[in-house]
Amino acid sequence: AVGRKTARVEDRAYSLLGLFGVSMATICGEGARAFRRLQEEIIRSSPDHSIFAW
């Protein structure tokens, strides 16, 4: 995922959905907010809070 090239900023977050086993609605044009929503969804769905170390 580090070297992945995307056309839109939000596509970076969407490309990680499967890796974390979460799902969320995709919102075209939301930009960097998608990554924040991804983090929130991971926190909701996982007891592992090591995400706070990001």
PDB file of N, CA and C in Angstrom:
ATOM      1  N   ALA A   1       0.817  -1.196   0.000  1.00  0.00           N
ATOM      2  CA  ALA A   1       0.000   0.000   0.000  1.00  0.00           C
ATOM      3  C   ALA A   1       0.862   1.264   0.000  1.00  0.00           C
ATOM      4  N   VAL A   2       2.098   1.151   0.447  1.00  0.00           N
ATOM      5  CA  VAL A   2       2.961   2.328   0.553  1.00  0.00           C
ATOM      6  C   VAL A   2       3.220   2.961  -0.808  1.00  0.00           C
ATOM      7  N   GLY A   3       3.526   2.166  -1.809  1.00  0.00           N
ATOM      8  CA  GLY A   3       3.873   2.709  -3.111  1.00  0.00           C
ATOM      9  C   GLY A   3       2.701   2.855  -4.058  1.00  0.00           C
ATOM     10  N   ARG A   4       1.505   2.625  -3.580  1.00  0.00           N
ATOM     11  CA  ARG A   4       0.325   2.662  -4.438  1.00  0.00           C
ATOM     12  C   ARG A   4       0.068   4.079  -4.953  1.00  0.00           C
ATOM     13  N   LYS A   5      -0.167   4.186  -6.243  1.00  0.00           N
ATOM     14  CA  LYS A   5      -0.499   5.467  -6.871  1.00  0.00           C
ATOM     15  C   LYS A   5      -2.013   5.503  -7.080  1.00  0.00           C
ATOM     16  N   THR A   6      -2.639   6.578  -6.675  1.00  0.00           N
ATOM     17  CA  THR A   6      -4.084   6.710  -6.838  1.00  0.00           C
ATOM     18  C   THR A   6      -4.414   8.037  -7.501  1.00  0.00           C
ATOM     19  N   ALA A   7      -5.537   8.056  -8.182  1.00  0.00           N
ATOM     20  CA  ALA A   7      -5.976   9.275  -8.854  1.00  0.00           C
ATOM     21  C   ALA A   7      -6.566  10.265  -7.855  1.00  0.00           C
ATOM     22  N   ARG A   8      -7.203   9.740  -6.817  1.00  0.00           N
ATOM     23  CA  ARG A   8      -7.836  10.592  -5.812  1.00  0.00           C
ATOM     24  C   ARG A   8      -7.278  10.271  -4.438  1.00  0.00           C
ATOM     25  N   VAL A   9      -7.218  11.258  -3.581  1.00  0.00           N
ATOM     26  CA  VAL A   9      -6.682  11.092  -2.227  1.00  0.00           C
ATOM     27  C   VAL A   9      -7.464  10.029  -1.467  1.00  0.00           C
ATOM     28  N   GLU A  10      -8.785  10.051  -1.571  1.00  0.00           N
ATOM     29  CA  GLU A  10      -9.609   9.106  -0.816  1.00  0.00           C
ATOM     30  C   GLU A  10      -9.402   7.657  -1.243  1.00  0.00           C
ATOM     31  N   ASP A  11      -8.937   7.439  -2.467  1.00  0.00           N
ATOM     32  CA  ASP A  11      -8.702   6.075  -2.940  1.00  0.00           C
ATOM     33  C   ASP A  11      -7.622   5.370  -2.132  1.00  0.00           C
ATOM     34  N   ARG A  12      -6.715   6.122  -1.525  1.00  0.00           N
ATOM     35  CA  ARG A  12      -5.683   5.519  -0.671  1.00  0.00           C
ATOM     36  C   ARG A  12      -6.334   4.829   0.519  1.00  0.00           C
ATOM     37  N   ALA A  13      -7.286   5.487   1.131  1.00  0.00           N
ATOM     38  CA  ALA A  13      -7.997   4.897   2.274  1.00  0.00           C
ATOM     39  C   ALA A  13      -8.845   3.718   1.814  1.00  0.00           C
ATOM     40  N   TYR A  14      -9.550   3.873   0.712  1.00  0.00           N
ATOM     41  CA  TYR A  14     -10.429   2.812   0.229  1.00  0.00           C
ATOM     42  C   TYR A  14      -9.649   1.550  -0.123  1.00  0.00           C
ATOM     43  N   SER A  15      -8.413   1.705  -0.567  1.00  0.00           N
ATOM     44  CA  SER A  15      -7.614   0.537  -0.935  1.00  0.00           C
ATOM     45  C   SER A  15      -7.218  -0.290   0.285  1.00  0.00           C
ATOM     46  N   LEU A  16      -7.348   0.263   1.485  1.00  0.00           N
ATOM     47  CA  LEU A  16      -6.982  -0.443   2.717  1.00  0.00           C
ATOM     48  C   LEU A  16      -8.165  -1.141   3.384  1.00  0.00           C
ATOM     49  N   LEU A  17      -9.366  -0.928   2.901  1.00  0.00           N
ATOM     50  CA  LEU A  17     -10.554  -1.506   3.531  1.00  0.00           C
ATOM     51  C   LEU A  17     -10.448  -3.016   3.701  1.00  0.00           C
ATOM     52  N   GLY A  18     -10.094  -3.713   2.644  1.00  0.00           N
ATOM     53  CA  GLY A  18     -10.005  -5.170   2.701  1.00  0.00           C
ATOM     54  C   GLY A  18      -8.925  -5.671   3.636  1.00  0.00           C
ATOM     55  N   LEU A  19      -7.819  -4.955   3.716  1.00  0.00           N
ATOM     56  CA  LEU A  19      -6.732  -5.370   4.605  1.00  0.00           C
ATOM     57  C   LEU A  19      -7.165  -5.371   6.064  1.00  0.00           C
ATOM     58  N   PHE A  20      -8.027  -4.428   6.413  1.00  0.00           N
ATOM     59  CA  PHE A  20      -8.484  -4.325   7.795  1.00  0.00           C
ATOM     60  C   PHE A  20      -9.820  -5.020   8.028  1.00  0.00           C
ATOM     61  N   GLY A  21     -10.411  -5.556   6.970  1.00  0.00           N
ATOM     62  CA  GLY A  21     -11.668  -6.281   7.116  1.00  0.00           C
ATOM     63  C   GLY A  21     -12.832  -5.399   7.531  1.00  0.00           C
ATOM     64  N   VAL A  22     -12.828  -4.166   7.088  1.00  0.00           N
ATOM     65  CA  VAL A  22     -13.924  -3.250   7.410  1.00  0.00           C
ATOM     66  C   VAL A  22     -14.602  -2.803   6.124  1.00  0.00           C
ATOM     67  N   SER A  23     -15.798  -2.293   6.262  1.00  0.00           N
ATOM     68  CA  SER A  23     -16.484  -1.736   5.101  1.00  0.00           C
ATOM     69  C   SER A  23     -17.065  -0.385   5.491  1.00  0.00           C
ATOM     70  N   MET A  24     -17.117   0.481   4.527  1.00  0.00           N
ATOM     71  CA  MET A  24     -17.712   1.803   4.730  1.00  0.00           C
ATOM     72  C   MET A  24     -18.104   2.336   3.368  1.00  0.00           C
ATOM     73  N   ALA A  25     -19.018   3.259   3.367  1.00  0.00           N
ATOM     74  CA  ALA A  25     -19.463   3.859   2.117  1.00  0.00           C
ATOM     75  C   ALA A  25     -18.334   4.681   1.506  1.00  0.00           C
ATOM     76  N   THR A  26     -18.234   4.625   0.192  1.00  0.00           N
ATOM     77  CA  THR A  26     -17.255   5.463  -0.493  1.00  0.00           C
ATOM     78  C   THR A  26     -17.950   6.756  -0.901  1.00  0.00           C
ATOM     79  N   ILE A  27     -17.294   7.860  -0.634  1.00  0.00           N
ATOM     80  CA  ILE A  27     -17.863   9.167  -0.941  1.00  0.00           C
ATOM     81  C   ILE A  27     -16.898   9.884  -1.880  1.00  0.00           C
ATOM     82  N   CYS A  28     -17.279   9.963  -3.122  1.00  0.00           N
ATOM     83  CA  CYS A  28     -16.434  10.580  -4.133  1.00  0.00           C
ATOM     84  C   CYS A  28     -16.171  12.042  -3.790  1.00  0.00           C
ATOM     85  N   GLY A  29     -14.898  12.416  -3.786  1.00  0.00           N
ATOM     86  CA  GLY A  29     -14.528  13.793  -3.529  1.00  0.00           C
ATOM     87  C   GLY A  29     -14.320  14.160  -2.071  1.00  0.00           C
ATOM     88  N   GLU A  30     -14.374  13.181  -1.158  1.00  0.00           N
ATOM     89  CA  GLU A  30     -14.223  13.525   0.266  1.00  0.00           C
ATOM     90  C   GLU A  30     -12.779  13.768   0.673  1.00  0.00           C
ATOM     91  N   GLY A  31     -11.833  13.384  -0.154  1.00  0.00           N
ATOM     92  CA  GLY A  31     -10.427  13.669   0.115  1.00  0.00           C
ATOM     93  C   GLY A  31      -9.883  12.986   1.352  1.00  0.00           C
ATOM     94  N   ALA A  32      -9.082  13.722   2.120  1.00  0.00           N
ATOM     95  CA  ALA A  32      -8.384  13.166   3.282  1.00  0.00           C
ATOM     96  C   ALA A  32      -9.335  12.708   4.386  1.00  0.00           C
ATOM     97  N   ARG A  33     -10.558  13.160   4.381  1.00  0.00           N
ATOM     98  CA  ARG A  33     -11.534  12.740   5.392  1.00  0.00           C
ATOM     99  C   ARG A  33     -11.760  11.229   5.336  1.00  0.00           C
ATOM    100  N   ALA A  34     -11.548  10.615   4.186  1.00  0.00           N
ATOM    101  CA  ALA A  34     -11.733   9.168   4.038  1.00  0.00           C
ATOM    102  C   ALA A  34     -10.793   8.398   4.956  1.00  0.00           C
ATOM    103  N   PHE A  35      -9.571   8.876   5.117  1.00  0.00           N
ATOM    104  CA  PHE A  35      -8.616   8.182   5.979  1.00  0.00           C
ATOM    105  C   PHE A  35      -9.064   8.261   7.435  1.00  0.00           C
ATOM    106  N   ARG A  36      -9.576   9.402   7.827  1.00  0.00           N
ATOM    107  CA  ARG A  36     -10.097   9.562   9.196  1.00  0.00           C
ATOM    108  C   ARG A  36     -11.270   8.608   9.432  1.00  0.00           C
ATOM    109  N   ARG A  37     -12.171   8.524   8.456  1.00  0.00           N
ATOM    110  CA  ARG A  37     -13.305   7.608   8.590  1.00  0.00           C
ATOM    111  C   ARG A  37     -12.835   6.163   8.656  1.00  0.00           C
ATOM    112  N   LEU A  38     -11.793   5.825   7.885  1.00  0.00           N
ATOM    113  CA  LEU A  38     -11.230   4.476   7.930  1.00  0.00           C
ATOM    114  C   LEU A  38     -10.715   4.172   9.328  1.00  0.00           C
ATOM    115  N   GLN A  39      -9.968   5.089   9.911  1.00  0.00           N
ATOM    116  CA  GLN A  39      -9.452   4.890  11.267  1.00  0.00           C
ATOM    117  C   GLN A  39     -10.592   4.697  12.263  1.00  0.00           C
ATOM    118  N   GLU A  40     -11.626   5.499  12.162  1.00  0.00           N
ATOM    119  CA  GLU A  40     -12.766   5.384  13.073  1.00  0.00           C
ATOM    120  C   GLU A  40     -13.449   4.029  12.933  1.00  0.00           C
ATOM    121  N   GLU A  41     -13.567   3.549  11.702  1.00  0.00           N
ATOM    122  CA  GLU A  41     -14.208   2.253  11.462  1.00  0.00           C
ATOM    123  C   GLU A  41     -13.359   1.114  12.022  1.00  0.00           C
ATOM    124  N   ILE A  42     -12.052   1.207  11.875  1.00  0.00           N
ATOM    125  CA  ILE A  42     -11.152   0.188  12.432  1.00  0.00           C
ATOM    126  C   ILE A  42     -11.279   0.164  13.951  1.00  0.00           C
ATOM    127  N   ILE A  43     -11.320   1.320  14.579  1.00  0.00           N
ATOM    128  CA  ILE A  43     -11.454   1.410  16.037  1.00  0.00           C
ATOM    129  C   ILE A  43     -12.766   0.785  16.488  1.00  0.00           C
ATOM    130  N   ARG A  44     -13.856   1.057  15.747  1.00  0.00           N
ATOM    131  CA  ARG A  44     -15.162   0.495  16.102  1.00  0.00           C
ATOM    132  C   ARG A  44     -15.191  -1.021  15.986  1.00  0.00           C
ATOM    133  N   SER A  45     -14.485  -1.558  14.996  1.00  0.00           N
ATOM    134  CA  SER A  45     -14.609  -2.984  14.705  1.00  0.00           C
ATOM    135  C   SER A  45     -13.527  -3.861  15.323  1.00  0.00           C
ATOM    136  N   SER A  46     -12.541  -3.276  15.982  1.00  0.00           N
ATOM    137  CA  SER A  46     -11.427  -4.073  16.501  1.00  0.00           C
ATOM    138  C   SER A  46     -11.116  -3.721  17.955  1.00  0.00           C
ATOM    139  N   PRO A  47     -10.850  -4.743  18.774  1.00  0.00           N
ATOM    140  CA  PRO A  47     -10.450  -4.477  20.155  1.00  0.00           C
ATOM    141  C   PRO A  47      -8.985  -4.030  20.263  1.00  0.00           C
ATOM    142  N   ASP A  48      -8.232  -4.163  19.177  1.00  0.00           N
ATOM    143  CA  ASP A  48      -6.816  -3.789  19.160  1.00  0.00           C
ATOM    144  C   ASP A  48      -6.693  -2.287  18.912  1.00  0.00           C
ATOM    145  N   HIS A  49      -6.251  -1.551  19.899  1.00  0.00           N
ATOM    146  CA  HIS A  49      -6.177  -0.096  19.774  1.00  0.00           C
ATOM    147  C   HIS A  49      -4.779   0.393  19.416  1.00  0.00           C
ATOM    148  N   SER A  50      -3.955  -0.471  18.831  1.00  0.00           N
ATOM    149  CA  SER A  50      -2.619  -0.048  18.410  1.00  0.00           C
ATOM    150  C   SER A  50      -2.698   0.953  17.257  1.00  0.00           C
ATOM    151  N   ILE A  51      -3.879   1.120  16.680  1.00  0.00           N
ATOM    152  CA  ILE A  51      -4.058   2.114  15.621  1.00  0.00           C
ATOM    153  C   ILE A  51      -3.710   3.515  16.131  1.00  0.00           C
ATOM    154  N   PHE A  52      -3.822   3.738  17.444  1.00  0.00           N
ATOM    155  CA  PHE A  52      -3.500   5.049  17.995  1.00  0.00           C
ATOM    156  C   PHE A  52      -2.014   5.368  17.873  1.00  0.00           C
ATOM    157  N   ALA A  53      -1.191   4.372  17.569  1.00  0.00           N
ATOM    158  CA  ALA A  53       0.244   4.589  17.383  1.00  0.00           C
ATOM    159  C   ALA A  53       0.552   5.139  15.986  1.00  0.00           C
ATOM    160  N   TRP A  54      -0.449   5.209  15.079  1.00  0.00           N
ATOM    161  CA  TRP A  54      -0.233   5.728  13.729  1.00  0.00           C
ATOM    162  C   TRP A  54       0.142   7.160  13.850  1.00  0.00           C
TER     163      TRP A  54
END
